[in-house]
Amino acid sequence: MYGNVWEWCADYQHEDYQDAPSDGSVWIIDGNPEYRMLRGGSWDYDFSYCRSASRYYENPSTRNESFGFRVVCCLENS
């Protein structure tokens, strides 16, 4: 579903992936807590940003029609 909105992540802004957690956990150590990462591109950006590797960062108080989040829930087997 990439390309609908830039998806907010809990990770702090980092310049690169050096020392990033390898288990997929939130990366909030040694980063810039003023900014959070966004991923995946948006409907009003160039199509080349429509991929999971696309990264952008912004202050979490910023409101923009191109920023959003995905609600995820776990459905247990009945």
Protein backbone atom coordinates (compact mmCIF):
# COMPACT_ATOMS: atom_id res chain seq x y z
CA MET A 1 0.00 0.00 0.00
CA TYR A 2 2.90 2.36 -0.47
CA GLY A 3 2.17 5.64 -2.13
CA ASN A 4 -1.05 6.57 -0.35
CA VAL A 5 0.62 8.72 2.34
CA TRP A 6 4.07 8.97 3.89
CA GLU A 7 3.71 6.68 6.91
CA TRP A 8 4.83 7.98 10.29
CA CYS A 9 7.34 5.78 12.13
CA ALA A 10 8.30 5.97 15.80
CA ASP A 11 12.03 6.06 14.93
CA TYR A 12 14.01 9.20 15.66
CA GLN A 13 15.74 10.84 12.71
CA HIS A 14 19.17 9.36 11.90
CA GLU A 15 21.41 10.23 8.97
CA ASP A 16 22.10 6.60 8.03
CA TYR A 17 21.51 3.02 9.18
CA GLN A 18 24.78 2.65 11.10
CA ASP A 19 24.02 1.03 14.49
CA ALA A 20 20.33 0.54 13.65
CA PRO A 21 18.58 -2.29 15.53
CA SER A 22 18.60 -5.49 13.50
CA ASP A 23 15.42 -6.88 15.10
CA GLY A 24 13.00 -4.28 13.70
CA SER A 25 12.50 -2.53 17.03
CA VAL A 26 11.98 1.24 17.32
CA TRP A 27 15.23 3.16 16.91
CA ILE A 28 15.23 5.98 19.45
CA ILE A 29 18.82 5.77 20.72
CA ASP A 30 21.35 8.41 19.61
CA GLY A 31 18.96 9.99 17.10
CA ASN A 32 17.40 13.41 16.85
CA PRO A 33 14.26 13.29 19.05
CA GLU A 34 12.92 16.48 17.44
CA TYR A 35 12.13 14.57 14.22
CA ARG A 36 10.43 11.27 13.36
CA MET A 37 10.87 9.21 10.23
CA LEU A 38 8.30 8.83 7.47
CA ARG A 39 8.40 6.07 4.85
CA GLY A 40 6.87 5.02 1.57
CA GLY A 41 6.07 8.09 -0.50
CA SER A 42 2.73 9.76 -1.06
CA TRP A 43 0.14 10.32 -3.77
CA ASP A 44 1.47 13.82 -4.53
CA TYR A 45 5.18 12.94 -4.73
CA ASP A 46 7.14 11.51 -7.65
CA PHE A 47 6.42 7.78 -8.18
CA SER A 48 10.08 6.92 -7.51
CA TYR A 49 9.43 7.56 -3.79
CA CYS A 50 6.73 4.88 -3.71
CA ARG A 51 8.83 2.20 -2.04
CA SER A 52 9.60 1.07 1.50
CA ALA A 53 13.20 2.28 1.26
CA SER A 54 12.05 5.89 0.76
CA ARG A 55 12.79 7.87 3.89
CA TYR A 56 11.82 11.36 4.94
CA TYR A 57 11.72 13.06 8.31
CA GLU A 58 9.65 15.78 9.89
CA ASN A 59 8.71 17.19 13.27
CA PRO A 60 5.84 15.03 14.62
CA SER A 61 3.69 18.11 15.26
CA THR A 62 3.65 18.87 11.51
CA ARG A 63 0.28 18.37 9.81
CA ASN A 64 0.22 17.59 6.11
CA GLU A 65 -2.28 15.84 3.83
CA SER A 66 0.58 13.66 2.57
CA PHE A 67 1.42 12.26 6.05
CA GLY A 68 -0.51 9.52 7.80
CA PHE A 69 -0.22 6.16 9.50
CA ARG A 70 -1.41 2.62 9.08
CA VAL A 71 -3.52 1.00 11.76
CA VAL A 72 -2.40 -2.55 12.44
CA CYS A 73 -4.15 -5.11 14.59
CA CYS A 74 -3.68 -8.77 15.25
CA LEU A 75 -6.61 -11.08 14.57
CA GLU A 76 -6.46 -14.23 16.60
CA ASN A 77 -7.62 -17.51 15.09
CA SER A 78 -10.98 -18.58 16.45
